Full PDB file with SEQRES, HELIX, SHEET, SSBOND, CRYST1, ORIGX, SCALE, CONECT and MASTER records, all heavy atoms in Angstrom:
SEQRES   1 A   32  GLY PRO LEU ARG SER HIS PHE LEU ASP THR ALA GLY ALA          
SEQRES   2 A   32  PRO ASP ALA ARG CYS ASN ALA PHE LEU ASP PRO LEU ALA          
SEQRES   3 A   32  ILE ALA GLY LEU LEU ALA                                      
HELIX    1 AA1 PRO A    2  ASP A    9  1                                   8    
HELIX    2 AA2 ARG A   17  ALA A   20  5                                   4    
HELIX    3 AA3 PRO A   24  LEU A   31  1                                   8    
CRYST1    1.000    1.000    1.000  90.00  90.00  90.00 P 1           1          
ORIGX1      1.000000  0.000000  0.000000        0.00000                         
ORIGX2      0.000000  1.000000  0.000000        0.00000                         
ORIGX3      0.000000  0.000000  1.000000        0.00000                         
SCALE1      1.000000  0.000000  0.000000        0.00000                         
SCALE2      0.000000  1.000000  0.000000        0.00000                         
SCALE3      0.000000  0.000000  1.000000        0.00000                         
ATOM      1  N   GLY A   1       0.817  -1.208   0.000  1.00  0.00           N  
ATOM      2  CA  GLY A   1       0.000   0.000   0.000  1.00  0.00           C  
ATOM      3  C   GLY A   1       0.848   1.254   0.000  1.00  0.00           C  
ATOM      4  O   GLY A   1       1.559   1.531  -0.971  1.00  0.00           O  
ATOM      5  N   PRO A   2       0.817   2.005   1.118  1.00  0.00           N  
ATOM      6  CA  PRO A   2       1.405   3.346   1.129  1.00  0.00           C  
ATOM      7  C   PRO A   2       2.919   3.409   0.923  1.00  0.00           C  
ATOM      8  O   PRO A   2       3.414   4.417   0.422  1.00  0.00           O  
ATOM      9  CB  PRO A   2       1.018   3.908   2.498  1.00  0.00           C  
ATOM     10  CG  PRO A   2       0.657   2.739   3.323  1.00  0.00           C  
ATOM     11  CD  PRO A   2       0.169   1.675   2.383  1.00  0.00           C  
ATOM     12  N   LEU A   3       3.669   2.377   1.281  1.00  0.00           N  
ATOM     13  CA  LEU A   3       5.121   2.438   1.117  1.00  0.00           C  
ATOM     14  C   LEU A   3       5.595   1.954  -0.255  1.00  0.00           C  
ATOM     15  O   LEU A   3       6.757   2.125  -0.594  1.00  0.00           O  
ATOM     16  CB  LEU A   3       5.828   1.601   2.200  1.00  0.00           C  
ATOM     17  CG  LEU A   3       6.155   2.322   3.484  1.00  0.00           C  
ATOM     18  CD1 LEU A   3       6.902   1.407   4.436  1.00  0.00           C  
ATOM     19  CD2 LEU A   3       6.957   3.577   3.240  1.00  0.00           C  
ATOM     20  N   ARG A   4       4.702   1.353  -1.021  1.00  0.00           N  
ATOM     21  CA  ARG A   4       5.107   0.798  -2.318  1.00  0.00           C  
ATOM     22  C   ARG A   4       5.665   1.878  -3.238  1.00  0.00           C  
ATOM     23  O   ARG A   4       6.745   1.727  -3.813  1.00  0.00           O  
ATOM     24  CB  ARG A   4       3.933   0.092  -2.987  1.00  0.00           C  
ATOM     25  CG  ARG A   4       4.325  -0.650  -4.241  1.00  0.00           C  
ATOM     26  CD  ARG A   4       3.141  -1.482  -4.774  1.00  0.00           C  
ATOM     27  NE  ARG A   4       3.585  -2.384  -5.805  1.00  0.00           N  
ATOM     28  CZ  ARG A   4       3.873  -2.028  -7.052  1.00  0.00           C  
ATOM     29  NH1 ARG A   4       3.749  -0.765  -7.417  1.00  0.00           N  
ATOM     30  NH2 ARG A   4       4.289  -2.908  -7.931  1.00  0.00           N  
ATOM     31  N   SER A   5       4.954   2.977  -3.385  1.00  0.00           N  
ATOM     32  CA  SER A   5       5.425   4.039  -4.286  1.00  0.00           C  
ATOM     33  C   SER A   5       6.704   4.686  -3.752  1.00  0.00           C  
ATOM     34  O   SER A   5       7.599   5.036  -4.526  1.00  0.00           O  
ATOM     35  CB  SER A   5       4.341   5.082  -4.527  1.00  0.00           C  
ATOM     36  OG  SER A   5       3.987   5.700  -3.328  1.00  0.00           O  
ATOM     37  N   HIS A   6       6.811   4.829  -2.435  1.00  0.00           N  
ATOM     38  CA  HIS A   6       8.034   5.390  -1.858  1.00  0.00           C  
ATOM     39  C   HIS A   6       9.220   4.460  -2.125  1.00  0.00           C  
ATOM     40  O   HIS A   6      10.313   4.922  -2.461  1.00  0.00           O  
ATOM     41  CB  HIS A   6       7.855   5.624  -0.359  1.00  0.00           C  
ATOM     42  CG  HIS A   6       9.082   6.151   0.305  1.00  0.00           C  
ATOM     43  ND1 HIS A   6       9.611   7.389   0.001  1.00  0.00           N  
ATOM     44  CD2 HIS A   6       9.906   5.597   1.231  1.00  0.00           C  
ATOM     45  CE1 HIS A   6      10.700   7.586   0.723  1.00  0.00           C  
ATOM     46  NE2 HIS A   6      10.900   6.510   1.469  1.00  0.00           N  
ATOM     47  N   PHE A   7       8.993   3.157  -1.998  1.00  0.00           N  
ATOM     48  CA  PHE A   7      10.056   2.194  -2.281  1.00  0.00           C  
ATOM     49  C   PHE A   7      10.490   2.298  -3.742  1.00  0.00           C  
ATOM     50  O   PHE A   7      11.688   2.318  -4.049  1.00  0.00           O  
ATOM     51  CB  PHE A   7       9.582   0.767  -1.973  1.00  0.00           C  
ATOM     52  CG  PHE A   7      10.662  -0.256  -2.121  1.00  0.00           C  
ATOM     53  CD1 PHE A   7      11.495  -0.570  -1.059  1.00  0.00           C  
ATOM     54  CD2 PHE A   7      10.864  -0.910  -3.329  1.00  0.00           C  
ATOM     55  CE1 PHE A   7      12.509  -1.501  -1.199  1.00  0.00           C  
ATOM     56  CE2 PHE A   7      11.865  -1.846  -3.483  1.00  0.00           C  
ATOM     57  CZ  PHE A   7      12.690  -2.143  -2.414  1.00  0.00           C  
ATOM     58  N   LEU A   8       9.518   2.371  -4.648  1.00  0.00           N  
ATOM     59  CA  LEU A   8       9.838   2.481  -6.074  1.00  0.00           C  
ATOM     60  C   LEU A   8      10.615   3.753  -6.385  1.00  0.00           C  
ATOM     61  O   LEU A   8      11.496   3.753  -7.245  1.00  0.00           O  
ATOM     62  CB  LEU A   8       8.555   2.435  -6.906  1.00  0.00           C  
ATOM     63  CG  LEU A   8       7.874   1.075  -6.992  1.00  0.00           C  
ATOM     64  CD1 LEU A   8       6.489   1.218  -7.608  1.00  0.00           C  
ATOM     65  CD2 LEU A   8       8.727   0.097  -7.779  1.00  0.00           C  
ATOM     66  N   ASP A   9      10.303   4.836  -5.675  1.00  0.00           N  
ATOM     67  CA  ASP A   9      10.973   6.113  -5.903  1.00  0.00           C  
ATOM     68  C   ASP A   9      12.362   6.183  -5.277  1.00  0.00           C  
ATOM     69  O   ASP A   9      13.145   7.076  -5.623  1.00  0.00           O  
ATOM     70  CB  ASP A   9      10.137   7.273  -5.361  1.00  0.00           C  
ATOM     71  CG  ASP A   9       8.853   7.478  -6.133  1.00  0.00           C  
ATOM     72  OD1 ASP A   9       8.759   6.998  -7.281  1.00  0.00           O  
ATOM     73  OD2 ASP A   9       7.929   8.118  -5.580  1.00  0.00           O  
ATOM     74  N   THR A  10      12.668   5.293  -4.354  1.00  0.00           N  
ATOM     75  CA  THR A  10      13.964   5.344  -3.667  1.00  0.00           C  
ATOM     76  C   THR A  10      14.789   4.101  -3.999  1.00  0.00           C  
ATOM     77  O   THR A  10      15.617   4.122  -4.890  1.00  0.00           O  
ATOM     78  CB  THR A  10      13.792   5.507  -2.154  1.00  0.00           C  
ATOM     79  OG1 THR A  10      12.928   4.474  -1.667  1.00  0.00           O  
ATOM     80  CG2 THR A  10      13.224   6.847  -1.782  1.00  0.00           C  
ATOM     81  N   ALA A  11      14.561   3.011  -3.288  1.00  0.00           N  
ATOM     82  CA  ALA A  11      15.360   1.793  -3.480  1.00  0.00           C  
ATOM     83  C   ALA A  11      15.104   1.142  -4.834  1.00  0.00           C  
ATOM     84  O   ALA A  11      15.960   0.429  -5.348  1.00  0.00           O  
ATOM     85  CB  ALA A  11      15.085   0.797  -2.355  1.00  0.00           C  
ATOM     86  N   GLY A  12      13.950   1.386  -5.432  1.00  0.00           N  
ATOM     87  CA  GLY A  12      13.633   0.806  -6.733  1.00  0.00           C  
ATOM     88  C   GLY A  12      13.915   1.721  -7.906  1.00  0.00           C  
ATOM     89  O   GLY A  12      13.660   1.361  -9.054  1.00  0.00           O  
ATOM     90  N   ALA A  13      14.444   2.893  -7.630  1.00  0.00           N  
ATOM     91  CA  ALA A  13      14.706   3.870  -8.693  1.00  0.00           C  
ATOM     92  C   ALA A  13      15.953   3.487  -9.492  1.00  0.00           C  
ATOM     93  O   ALA A  13      16.864   2.853  -8.962  1.00  0.00           O  
ATOM     94  CB  ALA A  13      14.893   5.257  -8.087  1.00  0.00           C  
ATOM     95  N   PRO A  14      15.999   3.874 -10.757  1.00  0.00           N  
ATOM     96  CA  PRO A  14      17.188   3.574 -11.570  1.00  0.00           C  
ATOM     97  C   PRO A  14      18.478   4.162 -10.991  1.00  0.00           C  
ATOM     98  O   PRO A  14      19.549   3.586 -11.163  1.00  0.00           O  
ATOM     99  CB  PRO A  14      16.878   4.215 -12.928  1.00  0.00           C  
ATOM    100  CG  PRO A  14      15.401   4.366 -12.954  1.00  0.00           C  
ATOM    101  CD  PRO A  14      14.963   4.540 -11.524  1.00  0.00           C  
ATOM    102  N   ASP A  15      18.377   5.290 -10.303  1.00  0.00           N  
ATOM    103  CA  ASP A  15      19.568   5.918  -9.722  1.00  0.00           C  
ATOM    104  C   ASP A  15      19.780   5.562  -8.252  1.00  0.00           C  
ATOM    105  O   ASP A  15      20.550   6.221  -7.557  1.00  0.00           O  
ATOM    106  CB  ASP A  15      19.494   7.438  -9.879  1.00  0.00           C  
ATOM    107  CG  ASP A  15      18.348   8.051  -9.097  1.00  0.00           C  
ATOM    108  OD1 ASP A  15      17.378   7.334  -8.771  1.00  0.00           O  
ATOM    109  OD2 ASP A  15      18.420   9.266  -8.814  1.00  0.00           O  
ATOM    110  N   ALA A  16      19.137   4.514  -7.771  1.00  0.00           N  
ATOM    111  CA  ALA A  16      19.288   4.113  -6.368  1.00  0.00           C  
ATOM    112  C   ALA A  16      20.746   3.773  -6.088  1.00  0.00           C  
ATOM    113  O   ALA A  16      21.418   3.119  -6.888  1.00  0.00           O  
ATOM    114  CB  ALA A  16      18.396   2.913  -6.063  1.00  0.00           C  
ATOM    115  N   ARG A  17      21.229   4.227  -4.951  1.00  0.00           N  
ATOM    116  CA  ARG A  17      22.623   3.988  -4.588  1.00  0.00           C  
ATOM    117  C   ARG A  17      22.880   2.537  -4.235  1.00  0.00           C  
ATOM    118  O   ARG A  17      23.996   2.053  -4.385  1.00  0.00           O  
ATOM    119  CB  ARG A  17      23.019   4.916  -3.455  1.00  0.00           C  
ATOM    120  CG  ARG A  17      22.967   6.370  -3.948  1.00  0.00           C  
ATOM    121  CD  ARG A  17      23.612   7.378  -3.109  1.00  0.00           C  
ATOM    122  NE  ARG A  17      24.990   7.107  -2.807  1.00  0.00           N  
ATOM    123  CZ  ARG A  17      25.654   7.776  -1.864  1.00  0.00           C  
ATOM    124  NH1 ARG A  17      25.048   8.713  -1.183  1.00  0.00           N  
ATOM    125  NH2 ARG A  17      26.913   7.502  -1.610  1.00  0.00           N  
ATOM    126  N   CYS A  18      21.842   1.822  -3.802  1.00  0.00           N  
ATOM    127  CA  CYS A  18      22.034   0.406  -3.468  1.00  0.00           C  
ATOM    128  C   CYS A  18      22.284  -0.435  -4.721  1.00  0.00           C  
ATOM    129  O   CYS A  18      22.774  -1.565  -4.630  1.00  0.00           O  
ATOM    130  CB  CYS A  18      20.869  -0.138  -2.645  1.00  0.00           C  
ATOM    131  SG  CYS A  18      19.283  -0.131  -3.474  1.00  0.00           S  
ATOM    132  N   ASN A  19      21.995   0.115  -5.908  1.00  0.00           N  
ATOM    133  CA  ASN A  19      22.254  -0.600  -7.158  1.00  0.00           C  
ATOM    134  C   ASN A  19      23.739  -0.862  -7.371  1.00  0.00           C  
ATOM    135  O   ASN A  19      24.104  -1.738  -8.151  1.00  0.00           O  
ATOM    136  CB  ASN A  19      21.682   0.155  -8.358  1.00  0.00           C  
ATOM    137  CG  ASN A  19      20.171   0.144  -8.375  1.00  0.00           C  
ATOM    138  OD1 ASN A  19      19.539  -0.623  -7.667  1.00  0.00           O  
ATOM    139  ND2 ASN A  19      19.584   1.013  -9.181  1.00  0.00           N  
ATOM    140  N   ALA A  20      24.602  -0.112  -6.694  1.00  0.00           N  
ATOM    141  CA  ALA A  20      26.047  -0.341  -6.796  1.00  0.00           C  
ATOM    142  C   ALA A  20      26.449  -1.642  -6.111  1.00  0.00           C  
ATOM    143  O   ALA A  20      27.517  -2.191  -6.397  1.00  0.00           O  
ATOM    144  CB  ALA A  20      26.811   0.832  -6.185  1.00  0.00           C  
ATOM    145  N   PHE A  21      25.596  -2.130  -5.209  1.00  0.00           N  
ATOM    146  CA  PHE A  21      25.918  -3.325  -4.428  1.00  0.00           C  
ATOM    147  C   PHE A  21      24.987  -4.500  -4.708  1.00  0.00           C  
ATOM    148  O   PHE A  21      25.347  -5.645  -4.473  1.00  0.00           O  
ATOM    149  CB  PHE A  21      25.835  -3.008  -2.926  1.00  0.00           C  
ATOM    150  CG  PHE A  21      26.636  -1.810  -2.532  1.00  0.00           C  
ATOM    151  CD1 PHE A  21      26.019  -0.584  -2.316  1.00  0.00           C  
ATOM    152  CD2 PHE A  21      28.007  -1.890  -2.393  1.00  0.00           C  
ATOM    153  CE1 PHE A  21      26.754   0.530  -1.956  1.00  0.00           C  
ATOM    154  CE2 PHE A  21      28.759  -0.780  -2.040  1.00  0.00           C  
ATOM    155  CZ  PHE A  21      28.135   0.433  -1.822  1.00  0.00           C  
ATOM    156  N   LEU A  22      23.771  -4.196  -5.155  1.00  0.00           N  
ATOM    157  CA  LEU A  22      22.744  -5.223  -5.310  1.00  0.00           C  
ATOM    158  C   LEU A  22      22.174  -5.204  -6.720  1.00  0.00           C  
ATOM    159  O   LEU A  22      22.197  -4.173  -7.398  1.00  0.00           O  
ATOM    160  CB  LEU A  22      21.622  -4.982  -4.294  1.00  0.00           C  
ATOM    161  CG  LEU A  22      22.061  -4.927  -2.833  1.00  0.00           C  
ATOM    162  CD1 LEU A  22      20.933  -4.408  -1.967  1.00  0.00           C  
ATOM    163  CD2 LEU A  22      22.518  -6.290  -2.359  1.00  0.00           C  
ATOM    164  N   ASP A  23      21.642  -6.321  -7.138  1.00  0.00           N  
ATOM    165  CA  ASP A  23      21.056  -6.456  -8.467  1.00  0.00           C  
ATOM    166  C   ASP A  23      19.685  -5.777  -8.503  1.00  0.00           C  
ATOM    167  O   ASP A  23      18.763  -6.207  -7.812  1.00  0.00           O  
ATOM    168  CB  ASP A  23      20.922  -7.939  -8.799  1.00  0.00           C  
ATOM    169  CG  ASP A  23      20.312  -8.202 -10.159  1.00  0.00           C  
ATOM    170  OD1 ASP A  23      20.082  -7.244 -10.915  1.00  0.00           O  
ATOM    171  OD2 ASP A  23      20.069  -9.385 -10.458  1.00  0.00           O  
ATOM    172  N   PRO A  24      19.532  -4.733  -9.302  1.00  0.00           N  
ATOM    173  CA  PRO A  24      18.246  -4.028  -9.367  1.00  0.00           C  
ATOM    174  C   PRO A  24      17.091  -4.933  -9.800  1.00  0.00           C  
ATOM    175  O   PRO A  24      15.957  -4.753  -9.363  1.00  0.00           O  
ATOM    176  CB  PRO A  24      18.470  -2.918 -10.382  1.00  0.00           C  
ATOM    177  CG  PRO A  24      19.931  -2.821 -10.582  1.00  0.00           C  
ATOM    178  CD  PRO A  24      20.546  -4.108 -10.143  1.00  0.00           C  
ATOM    179  N   LEU A  25      17.372  -5.913 -10.657  1.00  0.00           N  
ATOM    180  CA  LEU A  25      16.313  -6.838 -11.079  1.00  0.00           C  
ATOM    181  C   LEU A  25      15.861  -7.721  -9.921  1.00  0.00           C  
ATOM    182  O   LEU A  25      14.676  -8.052  -9.814  1.00  0.00           O  
ATOM    183  CB  LEU A  25      16.788  -7.693 -12.256  1.00  0.00           C  
ATOM    184  CG  LEU A  25      17.020  -6.933 -13.562  1.00  0.00           C  
ATOM    185  CD1 LEU A  25      17.581  -7.864 -14.628  1.00  0.00           C  
ATOM    186  CD2 LEU A  25      15.744  -6.277 -14.039  1.00  0.00           C  
ATOM    187  N   ALA A  26      16.782  -8.094  -9.063  1.00  0.00           N  
ATOM    188  CA  ALA A  26      16.415  -8.891  -7.889  1.00  0.00           C  
ATOM    189  C   ALA A  26      15.565  -8.065  -6.929  1.00  0.00           C  
ATOM    190  O   ALA A  26      14.594  -8.573  -6.354  1.00  0.00           O  
ATOM    191  CB  ALA A  26      17.671  -9.399  -7.180  1.00  0.00           C  
ATOM    192  N   ILE A  27      15.908  -6.797  -6.764  1.00  0.00           N  
ATOM    193  CA  ILE A  27      15.122  -5.908  -5.908  1.00  0.00           C  
ATOM    194  C   ILE A  27      13.714  -5.758  -6.468  1.00  0.00           C  
ATOM    195  O   ILE A  27      12.719  -5.867  -5.742  1.00  0.00           O  
ATOM    196  CB  ILE A  27      15.817  -4.533  -5.766  1.00  0.00           C  
ATOM    197  CG1 ILE A  27      17.130  -4.697  -5.004  1.00  0.00           C  
ATOM    198  CG2 ILE A  27      14.902  -3.530  -5.072  1.00  0.00           C  
ATOM    199  CD1 ILE A  27      17.988  -3.452  -4.980  1.00  0.00           C  
ATOM    200  N   ALA A  28      13.609  -5.539  -7.779  1.00  0.00           N  
ATOM    201  CA  ALA A  28      12.295  -5.411  -8.418  1.00  0.00           C  
ATOM    202  C   ALA A  28      11.501  -6.699  -8.283  1.00  0.00           C  
ATOM    203  O   ALA A  28      10.284  -6.671  -8.076  1.00  0.00           O  
ATOM    204  CB  ALA A  28      12.470  -5.036  -9.889  1.00  0.00           C  
ATOM    205  N   GLY A  29      12.186  -7.838  -8.370  1.00  0.00           N  
ATOM    206  CA  GLY A  29      11.524  -9.133  -8.218  1.00  0.00           C  
ATOM    207  C   GLY A  29      10.972  -9.344  -6.822  1.00  0.00           C  
ATOM    208  O   GLY A  29       9.864  -9.881  -6.662  1.00  0.00           O  
ATOM    209  N   LEU A  30      11.725  -8.917  -5.811  1.00  0.00           N  
ATOM    210  CA  LEU A  30      11.226  -9.014  -4.435  1.00  0.00           C  
ATOM    211  C   LEU A  30       9.942  -8.211  -4.272  1.00  0.00           C  
ATOM    212  O   LEU A  30       8.966  -8.693  -3.700  1.00  0.00           O  
ATOM    213  CB  LEU A  30      12.269  -8.505  -3.441  1.00  0.00           C  
ATOM    214  CG  LEU A  30      13.457  -9.396  -3.131  1.00  0.00           C  
ATOM    215  CD1 LEU A  30      14.440  -8.662  -2.227  1.00  0.00           C  
ATOM    216  CD2 LEU A  30      13.006 -10.683  -2.479  1.00  0.00           C  
ATOM    217  N   LEU A  31       9.946  -6.974  -4.777  1.00  0.00           N  
ATOM    218  CA  LEU A  31       8.765  -6.134  -4.653  1.00  0.00           C  
ATOM    219  C   LEU A  31       7.595  -6.713  -5.444  1.00  0.00           C  
ATOM    220  O   LEU A  31       6.462  -6.720  -4.960  1.00  0.00           O  
ATOM    221  CB  LEU A  31       9.057  -4.699  -5.104  1.00  0.00           C  
ATOM    222  CG  LEU A  31       7.903  -3.720  -4.930  1.00  0.00           C  
ATOM    223  CD1 LEU A  31       7.520  -3.585  -3.456  1.00  0.00           C  
ATOM    224  CD2 LEU A  31       8.254  -2.366  -5.510  1.00  0.00           C  
ATOM    225  N   ALA A  32       7.866  -7.235  -6.636  1.00  0.00           N  
ATOM    226  CA  ALA A  32       6.793  -7.811  -7.458  1.00  0.00           C  
ATOM    227  C   ALA A  32       6.175  -9.036  -6.778  1.00  0.00           C  
ATOM    228  O   ALA A  32       4.950  -9.169  -6.720  1.00  0.00           O  
ATOM    229  CB  ALA A  32       7.331  -8.184  -8.837  1.00  0.00           C  
TER     230      ALA A  32                                                      
MASTER        0    0    0    3    0    0    0    6  229    1    0    3          
END                                                                             
């Protein structure tokens, strides 16, 4: 619900800093 869009805008964003350490596709898969 309410945190989904915030997650997409931060940790799920293309420019997320965690992408330097983690696979963005895996992060998107967890959320999906």
